[in-house]
C-alpha atoms as a PDB file:
ATOM      1  CA  MET A   1       0.000   0.000   0.000  1.00  0.00           C
ATOM      2  CA  LYS A   2       2.838   2.402   0.857  1.00  0.00           C
ATOM      3  CA  ASN A   3       4.464   1.757  -2.527  1.00  0.00           C
ATOM      4  CA  LEU A   4       1.198   2.561  -4.304  1.00  0.00           C
ATOM      5  CA  VAL A   5       0.907   5.863  -2.427  1.00  0.00           C
ATOM      6  CA  ARG A   6       4.520   6.724  -3.318  1.00  0.00           C
ATOM      7  CA  VAL A   7       3.991   5.943  -7.012  1.00  0.00           C
ATOM      8  CA  LEU A   8       0.766   7.975  -7.128  1.00  0.00           C
ATOM      9  CA  SER A   9       2.451  10.889  -5.326  1.00  0.00           C
ATOM     10  CA  LEU A  10       5.362  10.842  -7.755  1.00  0.00           C
ATOM     11  CA  ALA A  11       2.974  10.715 -10.721  1.00  0.00           C
ATOM     12  CA  LEU A  12       1.046  13.703  -9.329  1.00  0.00           C
ATOM     13  CA  VAL A  13       4.272  15.706  -8.936  1.00  0.00           C
ATOM     14  CA  VAL A  14       5.286  14.928 -12.539  1.00  0.00           C
ATOM     15  CA  VAL A  15       1.866  15.995 -13.866  1.00  0.00           C
ATOM     16  CA  MET A  16       1.968  19.244 -11.859  1.00  0.00           C
ATOM     17  CA  LEU A  17       5.475  19.997 -13.167  1.00  0.00           C
ATOM     18  CA  CYS A  18       4.380  19.438 -16.785  1.00  0.00           C
ATOM     19  CA  VAL A  19       1.347  21.720 -16.358  1.00  0.00           C
ATOM     20  CA  THR A  20       3.517  24.431 -14.794  1.00  0.00           C
ATOM     21  CA  LEU A  21       6.073  24.310 -17.608  1.00  0.00           C
ATOM     22  CA  ALA A  22       3.369  24.295 -20.287  1.00  0.00           C
ATOM     23  CA  SER A  23       1.730  27.397 -18.815  1.00  0.00           C
ATOM     24  CA  CYS A  24       5.036  29.299 -19.058  1.00  0.00           C
ATOM     25  CA  ALA A  25       5.480  28.522 -22.733  1.00  0.00           C
ATOM     26  CA  GLY A  26       3.123  31.096 -24.274  1.00  0.00           C
ATOM     27  CA  LEU A  27       4.279  32.115 -27.743  1.00  0.00           C
ATOM     28  CA  SER A  28       7.719  31.475 -29.139  1.00  0.00           C
ATOM     29  CA  GLY A  29       9.462  32.505 -32.291  1.00  0.00           C
ATOM     30  CA  THR A  30       9.425  35.481 -34.633  1.00  0.00           C
ATOM     31  CA  TYR A  31       6.333  36.937 -36.309  1.00  0.00           C
ATOM     32  CA  MET A  32       6.455  39.616 -39.032  1.00  0.00           C
ATOM     33  CA  ALA A  33       4.067  41.821 -41.016  1.00  0.00           C
ATOM     34  CA  GLY A  34       4.551  44.699 -43.402  1.00  0.00           C
ATOM     35  CA  THR A  35       6.318  45.708 -46.577  1.00  0.00           C
ATOM     36  CA  GLU A  36       9.924  46.472 -47.502  1.00  0.00           C
ATOM     37  CA  GLN A  37       9.409  50.125 -46.517  1.00  0.00           C
ATOM     38  CA  LEU A  38       7.610  49.507 -43.221  1.00  0.00           C
ATOM     39  CA  ASN A  39       7.386  46.335 -41.185  1.00  0.00           C
ATOM     40  CA  THR A  40       6.932  45.167 -37.625  1.00  0.00           C
ATOM     41  CA  THR A  41       8.590  42.118 -36.105  1.00  0.00           C
ATOM     42  CA  TYR A  42       7.645  40.505 -32.787  1.00  0.00           C
ATOM     43  CA  LYS A  43      10.162  38.086 -31.279  1.00  0.00           C
ATOM     44  CA  PHE A  44       8.549  36.130 -28.435  1.00  0.00           C
ATOM     45  CA  SER A  45      10.928  34.473 -25.964  1.00  0.00           C
ATOM     46  CA  PRO A  46      10.253  32.092 -23.071  1.00  0.00           C
ATOM     47  CA  PHE A  47       8.747  33.337 -19.837  1.00  0.00           C
ATOM     48  CA  GLY A  48       6.704  36.167 -21.371  1.00  0.00           C
ATOM     49  CA  LYS A  49       9.464  38.290 -22.895  1.00  0.00           C
ATOM     50  CA  VAL A  50       9.001  40.099 -26.219  1.00  0.00           C
ATOM     51  CA  THR A  51      11.185  42.235 -28.484  1.00  0.00           C
ATOM     52  CA  VAL A  52       9.392  44.456 -30.995  1.00  0.00           C
ATOM     53  CA  THR A  53      11.311  45.913 -33.947  1.00  0.00           C
ATOM     54  CA  TYR A  54       9.875  48.530 -36.290  1.00  0.00           C
ATOM     55  CA  THR A  55      11.718  49.034 -39.574  1.00  0.00           C
ATOM     56  CA  MET A  56      11.006  52.046 -41.766  1.00  0.00           C
ATOM     57  CA  GLY A  57      13.166  53.114 -44.681  1.00  0.00           C
ATOM     58  CA  GLY A  58      16.144  51.122 -43.416  1.00  0.00           C
ATOM     59  CA  ALA A  59      16.002  52.571 -39.871  1.00  0.00           C
ATOM     60  CA  ASN A  60      15.176  50.256 -36.960  1.00  0.00           C
ATOM     61  CA  GLN A  61      13.604  51.009 -33.611  1.00  0.00           C
ATOM     62  CA  THR A  62      13.569  48.213 -31.034  1.00  0.00           C
ATOM     63  CA  SER A  63      11.622  47.925 -27.807  1.00  0.00           C
ATOM     64  CA  GLU A  64      11.775  45.170 -25.195  1.00  0.00           C
ATOM     65  CA  GLY A  65       9.161  44.205 -22.658  1.00  0.00           C
ATOM     66  CA  LYS A  66       6.822  41.498 -21.463  1.00  0.00           C
ATOM     67  CA  TYR A  67       3.594  40.049 -22.777  1.00  0.00           C
ATOM     68  CA  LYS A  68       0.664  38.151 -21.319  1.00  0.00           C
ATOM     69  CA  ILE A  69      -2.120  36.370 -23.197  1.00  0.00           C
ATOM     70  CA  ASP A  70      -5.542  36.116 -21.563  1.00  0.00           C
ATOM     71  CA  GLY A  71      -8.122  34.530 -23.844  1.00  0.00           C
ATOM     72  CA  ASP A  72      -8.516  36.761 -26.888  1.00  0.00           C
ATOM     73  CA  LYS A  73      -6.420  39.630 -25.453  1.00  0.00           C
ATOM     74  CA  ILE A  74      -2.677  40.217 -25.403  1.00  0.00           C
ATOM     75  CA  THR A  75      -1.129  42.752 -23.045  1.00  0.00           C
ATOM     76  CA  PHE A  76       2.288  44.262 -23.724  1.00  0.00           C
ATOM     77  CA  THR A  77       4.192  45.913 -20.876  1.00  0.00           C
ATOM     78  CA  THR A  78       7.352  47.992 -21.249  1.00  0.00           C
ATOM     79  CA  GLU A  79       9.190  50.739 -19.412  1.00  0.00           C
ATOM     80  CA  VAL A  80       8.956  54.322 -20.669  1.00  0.00           C
ATOM     81  CA  ASP A  81      10.838  57.113 -18.875  1.00  0.00           C
ATOM     82  CA  GLY A  82      11.214  54.919 -15.791  1.00  0.00           C
ATOM     83  CA  LYS A  83       7.491  54.055 -15.629  1.00  0.00           C
ATOM     84  CA  GLU A  84       5.845  50.759 -16.505  1.00  0.00           C
ATOM     85  CA  VAL A  85       3.328  51.168 -19.347  1.00  0.00           C
ATOM     86  CA  SER A  86       0.860  48.503 -20.525  1.00  0.00           C
ATOM     87  CA  ALA A  87      -1.389  48.252 -23.567  1.00  0.00           C
ATOM     88  CA  GLU A  88      -4.007  45.594 -24.328  1.00  0.00           C
ATOM     89  CA  PHE A  89      -4.968  44.446 -27.844  1.00  0.00           C
ATOM     90  CA  LYS A  90      -7.270  41.909 -29.521  1.00  0.00           C
ATOM     91  CA  PHE A  91      -5.355  38.682 -30.134  1.00  0.00           C
ATOM     92  CA  GLU A  92      -5.886  35.529 -32.164  1.00  0.00           C
ATOM     93  CA  LYS A  93      -3.720  32.559 -33.166  1.00  0.00           C
ATOM     94  CA  THR A  94      -4.019  31.540 -36.814  1.00  0.00           C
ATOM     95  CA  ASP A  95      -2.835  28.498 -38.771  1.00  0.00           C
ATOM     96  CA  ASP A  96       0.415  30.167 -39.840  1.00  0.00           C
ATOM     97  CA  GLY A  97       0.839  33.014 -37.365  1.00  0.00           C
ATOM     98  CA  ILE A  98      -1.024  35.419 -35.106  1.00  0.00           C
ATOM     99  CA  LYS A  99      -3.358  38.407 -35.423  1.00  0.00           C
ATOM    100  CA  ILE A 100      -3.025  41.505 -33.257  1.00  0.00           C
ATOM    101  CA  GLU A 101      -5.890  43.983 -33.687  1.00  0.00           C
ATOM    102  CA  GLY A 102      -6.792  42.199 -36.930  1.00  0.00           C
ATOM    103  CA  LEU A 103      -3.348  42.588 -38.531  1.00  0.00           C
ATOM    104  CA  GLU A 104      -1.867  39.208 -39.405  1.00  0.00           C
ATOM    105  CA  TYR A 105       1.750  38.428 -38.534  1.00  0.00           C
ATOM    106  CA  LYS A 106       3.284  35.372 -40.221  1.00  0.00           C
ATOM    107  CA  LYS A 107       5.596  33.101 -38.253  1.00  0.00           C
ATOM    108  CA  GLN A 108       9.117  33.214 -39.673  1.00  0.00           C
END
């Protein structure tokens, strides 16, 4: 009986660990939309980190921050002038990318 309890306890710990790791995954990879003159690239990293790069006419502007997905909303948080600023947008996963406020970003 004690061995059965030990095996079940170990199995429960493994399941809880897998659920915890899966919830941290979120998005991963690079998503891009735009043209040669103007495009936006989102690079999603583990643990809710995101790097956004805007390219216009050969000039780049990069911003780093965090993201959180809650249902059909994505919230981006970054620091501006020493203050934390957040913005929430409509969000949807598609077959080959994501949509933010209806604009489709293809996974690279």
